């Protein structure tokens, strides 16, 4: 099964580009980067498994069970990433003081809101 450009999710499509005012460099997840990439590759494997299940006409409930497992894996990853953001980026802004903390808290709050809507 091949994917088209329309099927591919780009960082821009999910809002993952650096917004104005965000510094590039070391982020909260930096020290766990290898572990995160390994985890994401496992999740990618789960998604490919779902594609294979559909291609092989596997029973609907079995596919839904795997969808649920994949969803939980992504939610768990997102929660860990959020925790690292709070510990690194928000804590750093708080330590520096000024108006930066308000922006970081608002940014984290919006991210939590997006996670809750999924």
PDB file of N, CA and C in Angstrom:
ATOM      1  N   UNK A   1       0.853  -1.175   0.000  1.00  0.00           N
ATOM      2  CA  UNK A   1       0.000   0.000   0.000  1.00  0.00           C
ATOM      3  C   UNK A   1       0.892   1.229   0.000  1.00  0.00           C
ATOM      4  N   UNK A   2       0.659   2.142  -0.913  1.00  0.00           N
ATOM      5  CA  UNK A   2       1.463   3.364  -0.978  1.00  0.00           C
ATOM      6  C   UNK A   2       0.621   4.538  -0.511  1.00  0.00           C
ATOM      7  N   UNK A   3       1.299   5.565  -0.040  1.00  0.00           N
ATOM      8  CA  UNK A   3       0.588   6.753   0.407  1.00  0.00           C
ATOM      9  C   UNK A   3       0.792   7.861  -0.601  1.00  0.00           C
ATOM     10  N   UNK A   4      -0.204   8.690  -0.718  1.00  0.00           N
ATOM     11  CA  UNK A   4      -0.102   9.854  -1.583  1.00  0.00           C
ATOM     12  C   UNK A   4       0.293  11.042  -0.724  1.00  0.00           C
ATOM     13  N   UNK A   5       0.620  12.147  -1.375  1.00  0.00           N
ATOM     14  CA  UNK A   5       0.959  13.346  -0.605  1.00  0.00           C
ATOM     15  C   UNK A   5      -0.195  13.766   0.281  1.00  0.00           C
ATOM     16  N   UNK A   6      -1.423  13.559  -0.166  1.00  0.00           N
ATOM     17  CA  UNK A   6      -2.595  13.941   0.627  1.00  0.00           C
ATOM     18  C   UNK A   6      -2.715  13.083   1.881  1.00  0.00           C
ATOM     19  N   UNK A   7      -2.192  11.854   1.857  1.00  0.00           N
ATOM     20  CA  UNK A   7      -2.276  10.957   2.993  1.00  0.00           C
ATOM     21  C   UNK A   7      -1.211  11.246   4.046  1.00  0.00           C
ATOM     22  N   UNK A   8      -0.151  11.926   3.658  1.00  0.00           N
ATOM     23  CA  UNK A   8       0.953  12.156   4.564  1.00  0.00           C
ATOM     24  C   UNK A   8       0.656  13.324   5.478  1.00  0.00           C
ATOM     25  N   UNK A   9       0.988  13.164   6.747  1.00  0.00           N
ATOM     26  CA  UNK A   9       0.807  14.229   7.724  1.00  0.00           C
ATOM     27  C   UNK A   9       2.123  14.968   7.860  1.00  0.00           C
ATOM     28  N   UNK A  10       2.090  16.248   7.582  1.00  0.00           N
ATOM     29  CA  UNK A  10       3.286  17.071   7.691  1.00  0.00           C
ATOM     30  C   UNK A  10       3.262  17.823   9.012  1.00  0.00           C
ATOM     31  N   UNK A  11       4.417  18.242   9.515  1.00  0.00           N
ATOM     32  CA  UNK A  11       4.427  19.031  10.743  1.00  0.00           C
ATOM     33  C   UNK A  11       3.562  20.286  10.627  1.00  0.00           C
ATOM     34  N   UNK A  12       3.568  20.904   9.455  1.00  0.00           N
ATOM     35  CA  UNK A  12       2.766  22.110   9.260  1.00  0.00           C
ATOM     36  C   UNK A  12       1.272  21.807   9.382  1.00  0.00           C
ATOM     37  N   UNK A  13       0.854  20.626   8.917  1.00  0.00           N
ATOM     38  CA  UNK A  13      -0.562  20.263   8.939  1.00  0.00           C
ATOM     39  C   UNK A  13      -1.077  20.090  10.360  1.00  0.00           C
ATOM     40  N   UNK A  14      -0.213  19.723  11.293  1.00  0.00           N
ATOM     41  CA  UNK A  14      -0.655  19.523  12.666  1.00  0.00           C
ATOM     42  C   UNK A  14      -0.178  20.630  13.593  1.00  0.00           C
ATOM     43  N   UNK A  15       0.322  21.711  13.021  1.00  0.00           N
ATOM     44  CA  UNK A  15       0.731  22.862  13.822  1.00  0.00           C
ATOM     45  C   UNK A  15       2.037  22.647  14.563  1.00  0.00           C
ATOM     46  N   UNK A  16       2.922  21.818  14.036  1.00  0.00           N
ATOM     47  CA  UNK A  16       4.158  21.506  14.737  1.00  0.00           C
ATOM     48  C   UNK A  16       5.313  22.424  14.356  1.00  0.00           C
ATOM     49  N   UNK A  17       5.075  23.411  13.522  1.00  0.00           N
ATOM     50  CA  UNK A  17       6.150  24.334  13.183  1.00  0.00           C
ATOM     51  C   UNK A  17       6.369  25.276  14.354  1.00  0.00           C
ATOM     52  N   UNK A  18       7.556  25.813  14.443  1.00  0.00           N
ATOM     53  CA  UNK A  18       7.874  26.733  15.523  1.00  0.00           C
ATOM     54  C   UNK A  18       7.109  28.042  15.334  1.00  0.00           C
ATOM     55  N   UNK A  19       6.172  28.355  16.224  1.00  0.00           N
ATOM     56  CA  UNK A  19       5.469  29.635  16.119  1.00  0.00           C
ATOM     57  C   UNK A  19       6.428  30.792  16.374  1.00  0.00           C
ATOM     58  N   UNK A  20       6.048  31.956  15.940  1.00  0.00           N
ATOM     59  CA  UNK A  20       6.871  33.139  16.144  1.00  0.00           C
ATOM     60  C   UNK A  20       7.145  33.311  17.633  1.00  0.00           C
ATOM     61  N   UNK A  21       8.374  33.636  17.963  1.00  0.00           N
ATOM     62  CA  UNK A  21       8.725  33.862  19.354  1.00  0.00           C
ATOM     63  C   UNK A  21       9.233  32.620  20.071  1.00  0.00           C
ATOM     64  N   UNK A  22       9.182  31.466  19.443  1.00  0.00           N
ATOM     65  CA  UNK A  22       9.692  30.240  20.065  1.00  0.00           C
ATOM     66  C   UNK A  22      11.129  30.050  19.631  1.00  0.00           C
ATOM     67  N   UNK A  23      11.955  29.824  20.608  1.00  0.00           N
ATOM     68  CA  UNK A  23      13.350  29.622  20.293  1.00  0.00           C
ATOM     69  C   UNK A  23      13.564  28.201  19.795  1.00  0.00           C
ATOM     70  N   UNK A  24      14.442  28.086  18.818  1.00  0.00           N
ATOM     71  CA  UNK A  24      14.807  26.749  18.363  1.00  0.00           C
ATOM     72  C   UNK A  24      16.003  26.323  19.191  1.00  0.00           C
ATOM     73  N   UNK A  25      16.166  25.058  19.357  1.00  0.00           N
ATOM     74  CA  UNK A  25      17.287  24.568  20.138  1.00  0.00           C
ATOM     75  C   UNK A  25      16.842  23.423  21.010  1.00  0.00           C
ATOM     76  N   UNK A  26      17.306  23.414  22.251  1.00  0.00           N
ATOM     77  CA  UNK A  26      17.020  22.324  23.168  1.00  0.00           C
ATOM     78  C   UNK A  26      15.611  22.485  23.725  1.00  0.00           C
ATOM     79  N   UNK A  27      14.815  21.444  23.515  1.00  0.00           N
ATOM     80  CA  UNK A  27      13.449  21.424  24.037  1.00  0.00           C
ATOM     81  C   UNK A  27      13.378  20.434  25.191  1.00  0.00           C
ATOM     82  N   UNK A  28      12.261  20.412  25.884  1.00  0.00           N
ATOM     83  CA  UNK A  28      12.094  19.561  27.050  1.00  0.00           C
ATOM     84  C   UNK A  28      12.293  18.087  26.772  1.00  0.00           C
ATOM     85  N   UNK A  29      12.012  17.653  25.583  1.00  0.00           N
ATOM     86  CA  UNK A  29      12.131  16.237  25.249  1.00  0.00           C
ATOM     87  C   UNK A  29      13.532  15.850  24.787  1.00  0.00           C
ATOM     88  N   UNK A  30      14.429  16.824  24.686  1.00  0.00           N
ATOM     89  CA  UNK A  30      15.758  16.600  24.100  1.00  0.00           C
ATOM     90  C   UNK A  30      16.511  15.421  24.732  1.00  0.00           C
ATOM     91  N   UNK A  31      16.493  15.326  26.052  1.00  0.00           N
ATOM     92  CA  UNK A  31      17.264  14.281  26.730  1.00  0.00           C
ATOM     93  C   UNK A  31      16.649  12.898  26.558  1.00  0.00           C
ATOM     94  N   UNK A  32      15.399  12.839  26.133  1.00  0.00           N
ATOM     95  CA  UNK A  32      14.696  11.571  25.923  1.00  0.00           C
ATOM     96  C   UNK A  32      14.457  11.302  24.443  1.00  0.00           C
ATOM     97  N   UNK A  33      15.107  12.049  23.598  1.00  0.00           N
ATOM     98  CA  UNK A  33      14.819  12.003  22.155  1.00  0.00           C
ATOM     99  C   UNK A  33      14.899  10.593  21.575  1.00  0.00           C
ATOM    100  N   UNK A  34      15.950   9.855  21.890  1.00  0.00           N
ATOM    101  CA  UNK A  34      16.091   8.504  21.349  1.00  0.00           C
ATOM    102  C   UNK A  34      14.946   7.594  21.802  1.00  0.00           C
ATOM    103  N   UNK A  35      14.575   7.704  23.081  1.00  0.00           N
ATOM    104  CA  UNK A  35      13.466   6.897  23.598  1.00  0.00           C
ATOM    105  C   UNK A  35      12.152   7.279  22.911  1.00  0.00           C
ATOM    106  N   UNK A  36      11.966   8.571  22.694  1.00  0.00           N
ATOM    107  CA  UNK A  36      10.742   9.027  22.026  1.00  0.00           C
ATOM    108  C   UNK A  36      10.677   8.509  20.592  1.00  0.00           C
ATOM    109  N   UNK A  37      11.781   8.590  19.894  1.00  0.00           N
ATOM    110  CA  UNK A  37      11.799   8.109  18.512  1.00  0.00           C
ATOM    111  C   UNK A  37      11.519   6.608  18.458  1.00  0.00           C
ATOM    112  N   UNK A  38      12.086   5.873  19.387  1.00  0.00           N
ATOM    113  CA  UNK A  38      11.849   4.425  19.465  1.00  0.00           C
ATOM    114  C   UNK A  38      10.362   4.146  19.715  1.00  0.00           C
ATOM    115  N   UNK A  39       9.781   4.894  20.621  1.00  0.00           N
ATOM    116  CA  UNK A  39       8.360   4.737  20.940  1.00  0.00           C
ATOM    117  C   UNK A  39       7.481   5.077  19.733  1.00  0.00           C
ATOM    118  N   UNK A  40       7.826   6.153  19.040  1.00  0.00           N
ATOM    119  CA  UNK A  40       7.058   6.547  17.861  1.00  0.00           C
ATOM    120  C   UNK A  40       7.176   5.515  16.743  1.00  0.00           C
ATOM    121  N   UNK A  41       8.323   4.901  16.627  1.00  0.00           N
ATOM    122  CA  UNK A  41       8.467   3.843  15.614  1.00  0.00           C
ATOM    123  C   UNK A  41       7.588   2.638  15.950  1.00  0.00           C
ATOM    124  N   UNK A  42       7.468   2.325  17.242  1.00  0.00           N
ATOM    125  CA  UNK A  42       6.554   1.244  17.650  1.00  0.00           C
ATOM    126  C   UNK A  42       5.115   1.595  17.305  1.00  0.00           C
ATOM    127  N   UNK A  43       4.734   2.840  17.564  1.00  0.00           N
ATOM    128  CA  UNK A  43       3.374   3.287  17.241  1.00  0.00           C
ATOM    129  C   UNK A  43       3.154   3.239  15.734  1.00  0.00           C
ATOM    130  N   UNK A  44       4.156   3.660  14.984  1.00  0.00           N
ATOM    131  CA  UNK A  44       4.072   3.589  13.525  1.00  0.00           C
ATOM    132  C   UNK A  44       3.853   2.144  13.082  1.00  0.00           C
ATOM    133  N   UNK A  45       4.529   1.217  13.735  1.00  0.00           N
ATOM    134  CA  UNK A  45       4.342  -0.198  13.434  1.00  0.00           C
ATOM    135  C   UNK A  45       2.921  -0.652  13.724  1.00  0.00           C
ATOM    136  N   UNK A  46       2.337  -0.133  14.803  1.00  0.00           N
ATOM    137  CA  UNK A  46       0.947  -0.464  15.120  1.00  0.00           C
ATOM    138  C   UNK A  46       0.017   0.027  14.012  1.00  0.00           C
ATOM    139  N   UNK A  47       0.271   1.226  13.513  1.00  0.00           N
ATOM    140  CA  UNK A  47      -0.567   1.793  12.460  1.00  0.00           C
ATOM    141  C   UNK A  47      -0.415   0.984  11.174  1.00  0.00           C
ATOM    142  N   UNK A  48       0.796   0.617  10.858  1.00  0.00           N
ATOM    143  CA  UNK A  48       1.012  -0.231   9.673  1.00  0.00           C
ATOM    144  C   UNK A  48       0.302  -1.576   9.851  1.00  0.00           C
ATOM    145  N   UNK A  49       0.297  -2.082  11.076  1.00  0.00           N
ATOM    146  CA  UNK A  49      -0.431  -3.311  11.369  1.00  0.00           C
ATOM    147  C   UNK A  49      -1.921  -3.155  11.111  1.00  0.00           C
ATOM    148  N   UNK A  50      -2.453  -1.992  11.444  1.00  0.00           N
ATOM    149  CA  UNK A  50      -3.869  -1.708  11.167  1.00  0.00           C
ATOM    150  C   UNK A  50      -4.135  -1.730   9.662  1.00  0.00           C
ATOM    151  N   UNK A  51      -3.255  -1.127   8.900  1.00  0.00           N
ATOM    152  CA  UNK A  51      -3.404  -1.137   7.441  1.00  0.00           C
ATOM    153  C   UNK A  51      -3.407  -2.569   6.927  1.00  0.00           C
ATOM    154  N   UNK A  52      -2.507  -3.367   7.454  1.00  0.00           N
ATOM    155  CA  UNK A  52      -2.408  -4.764   7.035  1.00  0.00           C
ATOM    156  C   UNK A  52      -3.685  -5.529   7.398  1.00  0.00           C
ATOM    157  N   UNK A  53      -4.212  -5.242   8.599  1.00  0.00           N
ATOM    158  CA  UNK A  53      -5.439  -5.923   9.041  1.00  0.00           C
ATOM    159  C   UNK A  53      -6.598  -5.608   8.101  1.00  0.00           C
ATOM    160  N   UNK A  54      -6.726  -4.348   7.719  1.00  0.00           N
ATOM    161  CA  UNK A  54      -7.795  -3.967   6.789  1.00  0.00           C
ATOM    162  C   UNK A  54      -7.570  -4.632   5.441  1.00  0.00           C
ATOM    163  N   UNK A  55      -6.338  -4.609   4.975  1.00  0.00           N
ATOM    164  CA  UNK A  55      -6.010  -5.225   3.689  1.00  0.00           C
ATOM    165  C   UNK A  55      -6.340  -6.715   3.694  1.00  0.00           C
ATOM    166  N   UNK A  56      -6.161  -7.361   4.841  1.00  0.00           N
ATOM    167  CA  UNK A  56      -6.404  -8.797   4.950  1.00  0.00           C
ATOM    168  C   UNK A  56      -7.823  -9.137   5.396  1.00  0.00           C
ATOM    169  N   UNK A  57      -8.708  -8.139   5.446  1.00  0.00           N
ATOM    170  CA  UNK A  57     -10.118  -8.338   5.821  1.00  0.00           C
ATOM    171  C   UNK A  57     -10.293  -8.993   7.188  1.00  0.00           C
ATOM    172  N   UNK A  58      -9.534  -8.503   8.157  1.00  0.00           N
ATOM    173  CA  UNK A  58      -9.642  -9.002   9.529  1.00  0.00           C
ATOM    174  C   UNK A  58     -10.977  -8.530  10.118  1.00  0.00           C
ATOM    175  N   UNK A  59     -11.501  -9.283  11.057  1.00  0.00           N
ATOM    176  CA  UNK A  59     -12.777  -8.991  11.723  1.00  0.00           C
ATOM    177  C   UNK A  59     -12.761  -7.589  12.331  1.00  0.00           C
ATOM    178  N   UNK A  60     -13.849  -6.863  12.164  1.00  0.00           N
ATOM    179  CA  UNK A  60     -13.956  -5.446  12.580  1.00  0.00           C
ATOM    180  C   UNK A  60     -13.568  -5.223  14.041  1.00  0.00           C
ATOM    181  N   UNK A  61     -14.073  -6.040  14.925  1.00  0.00           N
ATOM    182  CA  UNK A  61     -13.816  -5.850  16.355  1.00  0.00           C
ATOM    183  C   UNK A  61     -12.327  -6.007  16.659  1.00  0.00           C
ATOM    184  N   UNK A  62     -11.657  -6.914  15.974  1.00  0.00           N
ATOM    185  CA  UNK A  62     -10.213  -7.082  16.174  1.00  0.00           C
ATOM    186  C   UNK A  62      -9.456  -5.829  15.730  1.00  0.00           C
ATOM    187  N   UNK A  63      -9.894  -5.224  14.644  1.00  0.00           N
ATOM    188  CA  UNK A  63      -9.270  -3.985  14.175  1.00  0.00           C
ATOM    189  C   UNK A  63      -9.535  -2.865  15.171  1.00  0.00           C
ATOM    190  N   UNK A  64     -10.751  -2.754  15.650  1.00  0.00           N
ATOM    191  CA  UNK A  64     -11.094  -1.712  16.625  1.00  0.00           C
ATOM    192  C   UNK A  64     -10.272  -1.853  17.910  1.00  0.00           C
ATOM    193  N   UNK A  65     -10.001  -3.086  18.304  1.00  0.00           N
ATOM    194  CA  UNK A  65      -9.167  -3.321  19.484  1.00  0.00           C
ATOM    195  C   UNK A  65      -7.770  -2.753  19.255  1.00  0.00           C
ATOM    196  N   UNK A  66      -7.241  -2.958  18.072  1.00  0.00           N
ATOM    197  CA  UNK A  66      -5.919  -2.427  17.746  1.00  0.00           C
ATOM    198  C   UNK A  66      -5.933  -0.912  17.591  1.00  0.00           C
ATOM    199  N   UNK A  67      -7.025  -0.360  17.070  1.00  0.00           N
ATOM    200  CA  UNK A  67      -7.168   1.102  16.987  1.00  0.00           C
ATOM    201  C   UNK A  67      -7.115   1.690  18.395  1.00  0.00           C
ATOM    202  N   UNK A  68      -7.819   1.059  19.320  1.00  0.00           N
ATOM    203  CA  UNK A  68      -7.830   1.530  20.704  1.00  0.00           C
ATOM    204  C   UNK A  68      -6.429   1.486  21.304  1.00  0.00           C
ATOM    205  N   UNK A  69      -5.701   0.412  21.063  1.00  0.00           N
ATOM    206  CA  UNK A  69      -4.336   0.291  21.587  1.00  0.00           C
ATOM    207  C   UNK A  69      -3.428   1.364  20.994  1.00  0.00           C
ATOM    208  N   UNK A  70      -3.571   1.629  19.700  1.00  0.00           N
ATOM    209  CA  UNK A  70      -2.759   2.651  19.042  1.00  0.00           C
ATOM    210  C   UNK A  70      -3.089   4.044  19.577  1.00  0.00           C
ATOM    211  N   UNK A  71      -4.359   4.293  19.781  1.00  0.00           N
ATOM    212  CA  UNK A  71      -4.808   5.579  20.314  1.00  0.00           C
ATOM    213  C   UNK A  71      -4.242   5.798  21.713  1.00  0.00           C
ATOM    214  N   UNK A  72      -4.314   4.780  22.547  1.00  0.00           N
ATOM    215  CA  UNK A  72      -3.785   4.884  23.916  1.00  0.00           C
ATOM    216  C   UNK A  72      -2.271   5.119  23.892  1.00  0.00           C
ATOM    217  N   UNK A  73      -1.574   4.466  22.974  1.00  0.00           N
ATOM    218  CA  UNK A  73      -0.123   4.656  22.867  1.00  0.00           C
ATOM    219  C   UNK A  73       0.204   6.099  22.512  1.00  0.00           C
ATOM    220  N   UNK A  74      -0.542   6.676  21.563  1.00  0.00           N
ATOM    221  CA  UNK A  74      -0.316   8.077  21.188  1.00  0.00           C
ATOM    222  C   UNK A  74      -0.674   9.024  22.328  1.00  0.00           C
ATOM    223  N   UNK A  75      -1.760   8.733  23.038  1.00  0.00           N
ATOM    224  CA  UNK A  75      -2.148   9.583  24.161  1.00  0.00           C
ATOM    225  C   UNK A  75      -1.088   9.543  25.263  1.00  0.00           C
ATOM    226  N   UNK A  76      -0.557   8.372  25.520  1.00  0.00           N
ATOM    227  CA  UNK A  76       0.481   8.230  26.529  1.00  0.00           C
ATOM    228  C   UNK A  76       1.738   8.998  26.131  1.00  0.00           C
ATOM    229  N   UNK A  77       2.101   8.909  24.855  1.00  0.00           N
ATOM    230  CA  UNK A  77       3.251   9.658  24.351  1.00  0.00           C
ATOM    231  C   UNK A  77       3.011  11.166  24.517  1.00  0.00           C
ATOM    232  N   UNK A  78       1.820  11.617  24.140  1.00  0.00           N
ATOM    233  CA  UNK A  78       1.500  13.044  24.235  1.00  0.00           C
ATOM    234  C   UNK A  78       1.557  13.529  25.681  1.00  0.00           C
ATOM    235  N   UNK A  79       1.072  12.721  26.593  1.00  0.00           N
ATOM    236  CA  UNK A  79       1.093  13.102  28.004  1.00  0.00           C
ATOM    237  C   UNK A  79       2.525  13.222  28.520  1.00  0.00           C
ATOM    238  N   UNK A  80       3.376  12.293  28.132  1.00  0.00           N
ATOM    239  CA  UNK A  80       4.779  12.371  28.543  1.00  0.00           C
ATOM    240  C   UNK A  80       5.446  13.617  27.964  1.00  0.00           C
ATOM    241  N   UNK A  81       5.166  13.904  26.697  1.00  0.00           N
ATOM    242  CA  UNK A  81       5.733  15.089  26.057  1.00  0.00           C
ATOM    243  C   UNK A  81       5.238  16.363  26.748  1.00  0.00           C
ATOM    244  N   UNK A  82       3.977  16.389  27.114  1.00  0.00           N
ATOM    245  CA  UNK A  82       3.427  17.541  27.825  1.00  0.00           C
ATOM    246  C   UNK A  82       4.112  17.724  29.181  1.00  0.00           C
ATOM    247  N   UNK A  83       4.314  16.623  29.884  1.00  0.00           N
ATOM    248  CA  UNK A  83       5.001  16.709  31.175  1.00  0.00           C
ATOM    249  C   UNK A  83       6.407  17.280  31.007  1.00  0.00           C
ATOM    250  N   UNK A  84       7.113  16.831  29.981  1.00  0.00           N
ATOM    251  CA  UNK A  84       8.452  17.341  29.737  1.00  0.00           C
ATOM    252  C   UNK A  84       8.418  18.820  29.370  1.00  0.00           C
ATOM    253  N   UNK A  85       7.393  19.231  28.626  1.00  0.00           N
ATOM    254  CA  UNK A  85       7.243  20.644  28.279  1.00  0.00           C
ATOM    255  C   UNK A  85       7.043  21.477  29.546  1.00  0.00           C
ATOM    256  N   UNK A  86       6.185  20.988  30.428  1.00  0.00           N
ATOM    257  CA  UNK A  86       5.927  21.723  31.671  1.00  0.00           C
ATOM    258  C   UNK A  86       7.190  21.804  32.531  1.00  0.00           C
ATOM    259  N   UNK A  87       7.891  20.693  32.640  1.00  0.00           N
ATOM    260  CA  UNK A  87       9.095  20.663  33.479  1.00  0.00           C
ATOM    261  C   UNK A  87      10.240  21.501  32.904  1.00  0.00           C
ATOM    262  N   UNK A  88      10.322  21.576  31.595  1.00  0.00           N
ATOM    263  CA  UNK A  88      11.454  22.282  30.979  1.00  0.00           C
ATOM    264  C   UNK A  88      11.072  23.694  30.547  1.00  0.00           C
ATOM    265  N   UNK A  89      10.175  23.791  29.590  1.00  0.00           N
ATOM    266  CA  UNK A  89       9.870  25.085  28.967  1.00  0.00           C
ATOM    267  C   UNK A  89       9.111  26.030  29.901  1.00  0.00           C
ATOM    268  N   UNK A  90       8.064  25.505  30.556  1.00  0.00           N
ATOM    269  CA  UNK A  90       7.279  26.358  31.450  1.00  0.00           C
ATOM    270  C   UNK A  90       8.091  26.698  32.693  1.00  0.00           C
ATOM    271  N   UNK A  91       8.782  25.721  33.246  1.00  0.00           N
ATOM    272  CA  UNK A  91       9.609  25.987  34.432  1.00  0.00           C
ATOM    273  C   UNK A  91      10.710  26.988  34.116  1.00  0.00           C
ATOM    274  N   UNK A  92      11.316  26.884  32.927  1.00  0.00           N
ATOM    275  CA  UNK A  92      12.360  27.823  32.516  1.00  0.00           C
ATOM    276  C   UNK A  92      11.788  29.237  32.399  1.00  0.00           C
ATOM    277  N   UNK A  93      10.606  29.352  31.811  1.00  0.00           N
ATOM    278  CA  UNK A  93       9.970  30.669  31.687  1.00  0.00           C
ATOM    279  C   UNK A  93       9.647  31.243  33.061  1.00  0.00           C
ATOM    280  N   UNK A  94       9.218  30.394  33.985  1.00  0.00           N
ATOM    281  CA  UNK A  94       8.907  30.857  35.339  1.00  0.00           C
ATOM    282  C   UNK A  94      10.173  31.340  36.042  1.00  0.00           C
ATOM    283  N   UNK A  95      11.267  30.623  35.845  1.00  0.00           N
ATOM    284  CA  UNK A  95      12.523  31.010  36.481  1.00  0.00           C
ATOM    285  C   UNK A  95      13.041  32.338  35.939  1.00  0.00           C
ATOM    286  N   UNK A  96      12.799  32.591  34.659  1.00  0.00           N
ATOM    287  CA  UNK A  96      13.236  33.846  34.043  1.00  0.00           C
ATOM    288  C   UNK A  96      12.337  35.009  34.427  1.00  0.00           C
ATOM    289  N   UNK A  97      11.103  34.702  34.833  1.00  0.00           N
ATOM    290  CA  UNK A  97      10.167  35.748  35.219  1.00  0.00           C
ATOM    291  C   UNK A  97       9.643  36.513  34.016  1.00  0.00           C
ATOM    292  N   UNK A  98       8.946  37.567  34.279  1.00  0.00           N
ATOM    293  CA  UNK A  98       8.416  38.393  33.200  1.00  0.00           C
ATOM    294  C   UNK A  98       7.152  37.826  32.589  1.00  0.00           C
ATOM    295  N   UNK A  99       6.830  38.325  31.410  1.00  0.00           N
ATOM    296  CA  UNK A  99       5.587  37.948  30.748  1.00  0.00           C
ATOM    297  C   UNK A  99       5.663  36.601  30.043  1.00  0.00           C
ATOM    298  N   UNK A 100       6.851  36.049  29.890  1.00  0.00           N
ATOM    299  CA  UNK A 100       7.020  34.783  29.193  1.00  0.00           C
ATOM    300  C   UNK A 100       6.270  33.640  29.832  1.00  0.00           C
ATOM    301  N   UNK A 101       6.138  33.665  31.161  1.00  0.00           N
ATOM    302  CA  UNK A 101       5.449  32.576  31.852  1.00  0.00           C
ATOM    303  C   UNK A 101       3.976  32.515  31.453  1.00  0.00           C
ATOM    304  N   UNK A 102       3.343  33.675  31.320  1.00  0.00           N
ATOM    305  CA  UNK A 102       1.932  33.689  30.929  1.00  0.00           C
ATOM    306  C   UNK A 102       1.729  33.060  29.557  1.00  0.00           C
ATOM    307  N   UNK A 103       2.616  33.368  28.631  1.00  0.00           N
ATOM    308  CA  UNK A 103       2.514  32.808  27.282  1.00  0.00           C
ATOM    309  C   UNK A 103       2.721  31.296  27.309  1.00  0.00           C
ATOM    310  N   UNK A 104       3.680  30.819  28.099  1.00  0.00           N
ATOM    311  CA  UNK A 104       3.944  29.379  28.183  1.00  0.00           C
ATOM    312  C   UNK A 104       2.787  28.641  28.837  1.00  0.00           C
ATOM    313  N   UNK A 105       2.205  29.217  29.871  1.00  0.00           N
ATOM    314  CA  UNK A 105       1.059  28.577  30.520  1.00  0.00           C
ATOM    315  C   UNK A 105      -0.131  28.539  29.566  1.00  0.00           C
ATOM    316  N   UNK A 106      -0.368  29.629  28.849  1.00  0.00           N
ATOM    317  CA  UNK A 106      -1.465  29.648  27.878  1.00  0.00           C
ATOM    318  C   UNK A 106      -1.245  28.605  26.786  1.00  0.00           C
ATOM    319  N   UNK A 107      -0.020  28.521  26.312  1.00  0.00           N
ATOM    320  CA  UNK A 107       0.331  27.552  25.277  1.00  0.00           C
ATOM    321  C   UNK A 107       0.087  26.116  25.771  1.00  0.00           C
ATOM    322  N   UNK A 108       0.513  25.818  26.995  1.00  0.00           N
ATOM    323  CA  UNK A 108       0.316  24.484  27.569  1.00  0.00           C
ATOM    324  C   UNK A 108      -1.163  24.203  27.784  1.00  0.00           C
ATOM    325  N   UNK A 109      -1.913  25.204  28.221  1.00  0.00           N
ATOM    326  CA  UNK A 109      -3.350  25.044  28.430  1.00  0.00           C
ATOM    327  C   UNK A 109      -4.056  24.712  27.121  1.00  0.00           C
ATOM    328  N   UNK A 110      -3.685  25.380  26.058  1.00  0.00           N
ATOM    329  CA  UNK A 110      -4.276  25.097  24.744  1.00  0.00           C
ATOM    330  C   UNK A 110      -3.926  23.685  24.283  1.00  0.00           C
ATOM    331  N   UNK A 111      -2.691  23.267  24.530  1.00  0.00           N
ATOM    332  CA  UNK A 111      -2.276  21.919  24.158  1.00  0.00           C
ATOM    333  C   UNK A 111      -3.086  20.872  24.931  1.00  0.00           C
ATOM    334  N   UNK A 112      -3.310  21.124  26.216  1.00  0.00           N
ATOM    335  CA  UNK A 112      -4.123  20.212  27.023  1.00  0.00           C
ATOM    336  C   UNK A 112      -5.548  20.159  26.475  1.00  0.00           C
ATOM    337  N   UNK A 113      -6.076  21.323  26.105  1.00  0.00           N
ATOM    338  CA  UNK A 113      -7.424  21.381  25.526  1.00  0.00           C
ATOM    339  C   UNK A 113      -7.526  20.554  24.261  1.00  0.00           C
ATOM    340  N   UNK A 114      -6.509  20.653  23.406  1.00  0.00           N
ATOM    341  CA  UNK A 114      -6.506  19.847  22.171  1.00  0.00           C
ATOM    342  C   UNK A 114      -6.461  18.355  22.491  1.00  0.00           C
ATOM    343  N   UNK A 115      -5.680  17.999  23.509  1.00  0.00           N
ATOM    344  CA  UNK A 115      -5.589  16.591  23.885  1.00  0.00           C
ATOM    345  C   UNK A 115      -6.917  16.074  24.426  1.00  0.00           C
ATOM    346  N   UNK A 116      -7.622  16.894  25.156  1.00  0.00           N
ATOM    347  CA  UNK A 116      -8.899  16.470  25.720  1.00  0.00           C
ATOM    348  C   UNK A 116      -9.992  16.325  24.675  1.00  0.00           C
ATOM    349  N   UNK A 117      -9.876  17.058  23.575  1.00  0.00           N
ATOM    350  CA  UNK A 117     -10.883  16.967  22.514  1.00  0.00           C
ATOM    351  C   UNK A 117     -10.724  15.709  21.671  1.00  0.00           C
ATOM    352  N   UNK A 118      -9.595  15.035  21.773  1.00  0.00           N
ATOM    353  CA  UNK A 118      -9.379  13.854  20.938  1.00  0.00           C
ATOM    354  C   UNK A 118      -9.962  12.617  21.559  1.00  0.00           C
TER     355      UNK A 118
END
